[in-house]
Amino acid sequence: PPGRRVQSSKLSPTPPRLLTEEEYRLQGEVETRKALAELRSFCQSPEFSAWSTVSRIQSPKRFADFVGGASHVTPSEVSVHEREFGLESLFIDEQLFEEDDDDDDEEE
């Protein structure tokens, strides 16, 4: 009956499915690449005021290299990020938690 269809459509919408960690990471990479390409494109456009921008930034050469197609991060920044947030940090965190668990056993 048509009445039921109307009634069921008034029910609250189902919540969106949460992303898996892999989907979240992939979406972050895709969206970051897209945004960097848009930024690069804007910086190469006639509307962009290169001189006023360059006069306000700390590393004009690095910025020019980025606009020319170079990476937005340096190898040393990648290394620091990997140490702080990559697999190494997860391994270190696990070791710390394992040590804490061992300490708890000794106190009992």
C-alpha atoms as a PDB file:
ATOM      1  CA  PRO A   1       0.000   0.000   0.000  1.00  0.00           C
ATOM      2  CA  PRO A   2       1.185   3.533  -0.755  1.00  0.00           C
ATOM      3  CA  GLY A   3       0.635   4.648   2.831  1.00  0.00           C
ATOM      4  CA  ARG A   4       3.393   2.391   4.078  1.00  0.00           C
ATOM      5  CA  ARG A   5       5.930   3.755   1.625  1.00  0.00           C
ATOM      6  CA  VAL A   6       5.283   7.306   2.804  1.00  0.00           C
ATOM      7  CA  GLN A   7       5.489   6.225   6.412  1.00  0.00           C
ATOM      8  CA  SER A   8       8.740   4.309   5.959  1.00  0.00           C
ATOM      9  CA  SER A   9      10.376   7.251   4.140  1.00  0.00           C
ATOM     10  CA  LYS A  10       9.772   9.411   7.216  1.00  0.00           C
ATOM     11  CA  LEU A  11      11.964   7.177   9.353  1.00  0.00           C
ATOM     12  CA  SER A  12      15.287   8.676  10.310  1.00  0.00           C
ATOM     13  CA  PRO A  13      18.023   8.152   7.705  1.00  0.00           C
ATOM     14  CA  THR A  14      20.551   5.440   8.349  1.00  0.00           C
ATOM     15  CA  PRO A  15      23.870   6.803   9.577  1.00  0.00           C
ATOM     16  CA  PRO A  16      26.663   6.858   6.996  1.00  0.00           C
ATOM     17  CA  ARG A  17      29.116   3.976   6.994  1.00  0.00           C
ATOM     18  CA  LEU A  18      32.368   4.847   8.742  1.00  0.00           C
ATOM     19  CA  LEU A  19      35.544   4.627   6.677  1.00  0.00           C
ATOM     20  CA  THR A  20      38.088   1.932   7.362  1.00  0.00           C
ATOM     21  CA  GLU A  21      41.556   3.139   8.310  1.00  0.00           C
ATOM     22  CA  GLU A  22      42.814   2.254   4.805  1.00  0.00           C
ATOM     23  CA  GLU A  23      39.930   4.137   3.120  1.00  0.00           C
ATOM     24  CA  TYR A  24      40.588   7.144   5.375  1.00  0.00           C
ATOM     25  CA  ARG A  25      44.299   7.171   4.496  1.00  0.00           C
ATOM     26  CA  LEU A  26      43.584   6.777   0.774  1.00  0.00           C
ATOM     27  CA  GLN A  27      40.956   9.535   0.792  1.00  0.00           C
ATOM     28  CA  GLY A  28      43.443  11.818   2.570  1.00  0.00           C
ATOM     29  CA  GLU A  29      46.103  11.158  -0.061  1.00  0.00           C
ATOM     30  CA  VAL A  30      43.710  11.703  -2.971  1.00  0.00           C
ATOM     31  CA  GLU A  31      42.232  14.914  -1.548  1.00  0.00           C
ATOM     32  CA  THR A  32      45.681  16.291  -0.624  1.00  0.00           C
ATOM     33  CA  ARG A  33      47.018  15.666  -4.149  1.00  0.00           C
ATOM     34  CA  LYS A  34      43.916  17.312  -5.616  1.00  0.00           C
ATOM     35  CA  ALA A  35      44.216  20.376  -3.353  1.00  0.00           C
ATOM     36  CA  LEU A  36      47.953  20.748  -4.051  1.00  0.00           C
ATOM     37  CA  ALA A  37      47.275  20.622  -7.811  1.00  0.00           C
ATOM     38  CA  GLU A  38      44.589  23.308  -7.431  1.00  0.00           C
ATOM     39  CA  LEU A  39      46.964  25.485  -5.378  1.00  0.00           C
ATOM     40  CA  ARG A  40      49.762  25.044  -7.929  1.00  0.00           C
ATOM     41  CA  SER A  41      47.376  25.908 -10.757  1.00  0.00           C
ATOM     42  CA  PHE A  42      46.154  29.046  -8.973  1.00  0.00           C
ATOM     43  CA  CYS A  43      49.745  30.158  -8.271  1.00  0.00           C
ATOM     44  CA  GLN A  44      50.495  29.876 -11.989  1.00  0.00           C
ATOM     45  CA  SER A  45      47.429  31.893 -13.038  1.00  0.00           C
ATOM     46  CA  PRO A  46      47.510  35.584 -14.063  1.00  0.00           C
ATOM     47  CA  GLU A  47      45.276  36.539 -11.084  1.00  0.00           C
ATOM     48  CA  PHE A  48      47.970  35.412  -8.639  1.00  0.00           C
ATOM     49  CA  SER A  49      50.179  38.189  -7.254  1.00  0.00           C
ATOM     50  CA  ALA A  50      53.527  36.404  -7.089  1.00  0.00           C
ATOM     51  CA  TRP A  51      55.592  39.346  -5.833  1.00  0.00           C
ATOM     52  CA  SER A  52      53.328  40.193  -2.892  1.00  0.00           C
ATOM     53  CA  THR A  53      53.149  36.516  -1.905  1.00  0.00           C
ATOM     54  CA  VAL A  54      56.884  35.880  -2.213  1.00  0.00           C
ATOM     55  CA  SER A  55      57.651  38.994  -0.152  1.00  0.00           C
ATOM     56  CA  ARG A  56      55.659  37.521   2.783  1.00  0.00           C
ATOM     57  CA  ILE A  57      56.942  33.940   2.892  1.00  0.00           C
ATOM     58  CA  GLN A  58      60.012  32.527   4.630  1.00  0.00           C
ATOM     59  CA  SER A  59      61.310  30.331   1.800  1.00  0.00           C
ATOM     60  CA  PRO A  60      60.680  31.958  -1.596  1.00  0.00           C
ATOM     61  CA  LYS A  61      62.865  29.423  -3.450  1.00  0.00           C
ATOM     62  CA  ARG A  62      61.054  26.484  -1.892  1.00  0.00           C
ATOM     63  CA  PHE A  63      57.717  28.067  -2.841  1.00  0.00           C
ATOM     64  CA  ALA A  64      58.885  28.647  -6.422  1.00  0.00           C
ATOM     65  CA  ASP A  65      60.060  25.028  -6.610  1.00  0.00           C
ATOM     66  CA  PHE A  66      56.629  23.873  -5.367  1.00  0.00           C
ATOM     67  CA  VAL A  67      54.803  25.978  -7.971  1.00  0.00           C
ATOM     68  CA  GLY A  68      57.146  24.471 -10.570  1.00  0.00           C
ATOM     69  CA  GLY A  69      56.121  20.961  -9.561  1.00  0.00           C
ATOM     70  CA  ALA A  70      58.415  19.996  -6.665  1.00  0.00           C
ATOM     71  CA  SER A  71      57.078  18.255  -3.573  1.00  0.00           C
ATOM     72  CA  HIS A  72      55.447  20.353  -0.856  1.00  0.00           C
ATOM     73  CA  VAL A  73      57.506  18.537   1.809  1.00  0.00           C
ATOM     74  CA  THR A  74      61.226  17.928   2.136  1.00  0.00           C
ATOM     75  CA  PRO A  75      62.757  14.472   2.698  1.00  0.00           C
ATOM     76  CA  SER A  76      63.690  15.492   6.254  1.00  0.00           C
ATOM     77  CA  GLU A  77      60.076  16.533   6.970  1.00  0.00           C
ATOM     78  CA  VAL A  78      58.877  13.166   5.651  1.00  0.00           C
ATOM     79  CA  SER A  79      61.397  11.432   7.918  1.00  0.00           C
ATOM     80  CA  VAL A  80      60.273  13.384  11.000  1.00  0.00           C
ATOM     81  CA  HIS A  81      56.623  12.674  10.189  1.00  0.00           C
ATOM     82  CA  GLU A  82      57.313   8.955   9.777  1.00  0.00           C
ATOM     83  CA  ARG A  83      59.122   8.882  13.123  1.00  0.00           C
ATOM     84  CA  GLU A  84      56.279  10.675  14.896  1.00  0.00           C
ATOM     85  CA  PHE A  85      53.253   9.175  13.166  1.00  0.00           C
ATOM     86  CA  GLY A  86      54.398   6.228  11.067  1.00  0.00           C
ATOM     87  CA  LEU A  87      54.903   2.565  11.757  1.00  0.00           C
ATOM     88  CA  GLU A  88      57.964   3.269  13.933  1.00  0.00           C
ATOM     89  CA  SER A  89      55.870   5.271  16.420  1.00  0.00           C
ATOM     90  CA  LEU A  90      53.205   2.538  16.516  1.00  0.00           C
ATOM     91  CA  PHE A  91      55.893  -0.039  17.273  1.00  0.00           C
ATOM     92  CA  ILE A  92      57.370   2.160  20.029  1.00  0.00           C
ATOM     93  CA  ASP A  93      53.889   2.764  21.520  1.00  0.00           C
ATOM     94  CA  GLU A  94      53.251  -0.992  21.570  1.00  0.00           C
ATOM     95  CA  GLN A  95      56.566  -1.567  23.338  1.00  0.00           C
ATOM     96  CA  LEU A  96      55.715   1.074  25.945  1.00  0.00           C
ATOM     97  CA  PHE A  97      52.318  -0.484  26.615  1.00  0.00           C
ATOM     98  CA  GLU A  98      53.857  -3.949  26.853  1.00  0.00           C
ATOM     99  CA  GLU A  99      56.372  -2.639  29.382  1.00  0.00           C
ATOM    100  CA  ASP A 100      53.547  -1.060  31.403  1.00  0.00           C
ATOM    101  CA  ASP A 101      51.691  -4.383  31.394  1.00  0.00           C
ATOM    102  CA  ASP A 102      54.829  -6.164  32.661  1.00  0.00           C
ATOM    103  CA  ASP A 103      55.204  -3.614  35.465  1.00  0.00           C
ATOM    104  CA  ASP A 104      51.612  -4.212  36.592  1.00  0.00           C
ATOM    105  CA  ASP A 105      52.269  -7.961  36.831  1.00  0.00           C
ATOM    106  CA  GLU A 106      55.308  -7.419  39.074  1.00  0.00           C
ATOM    107  CA  GLU A 107      53.350  -5.263  41.550  1.00  0.00           C
ATOM    108  CA  GLU A 108      50.734  -7.961  42.217  1.00  0.00           C
END
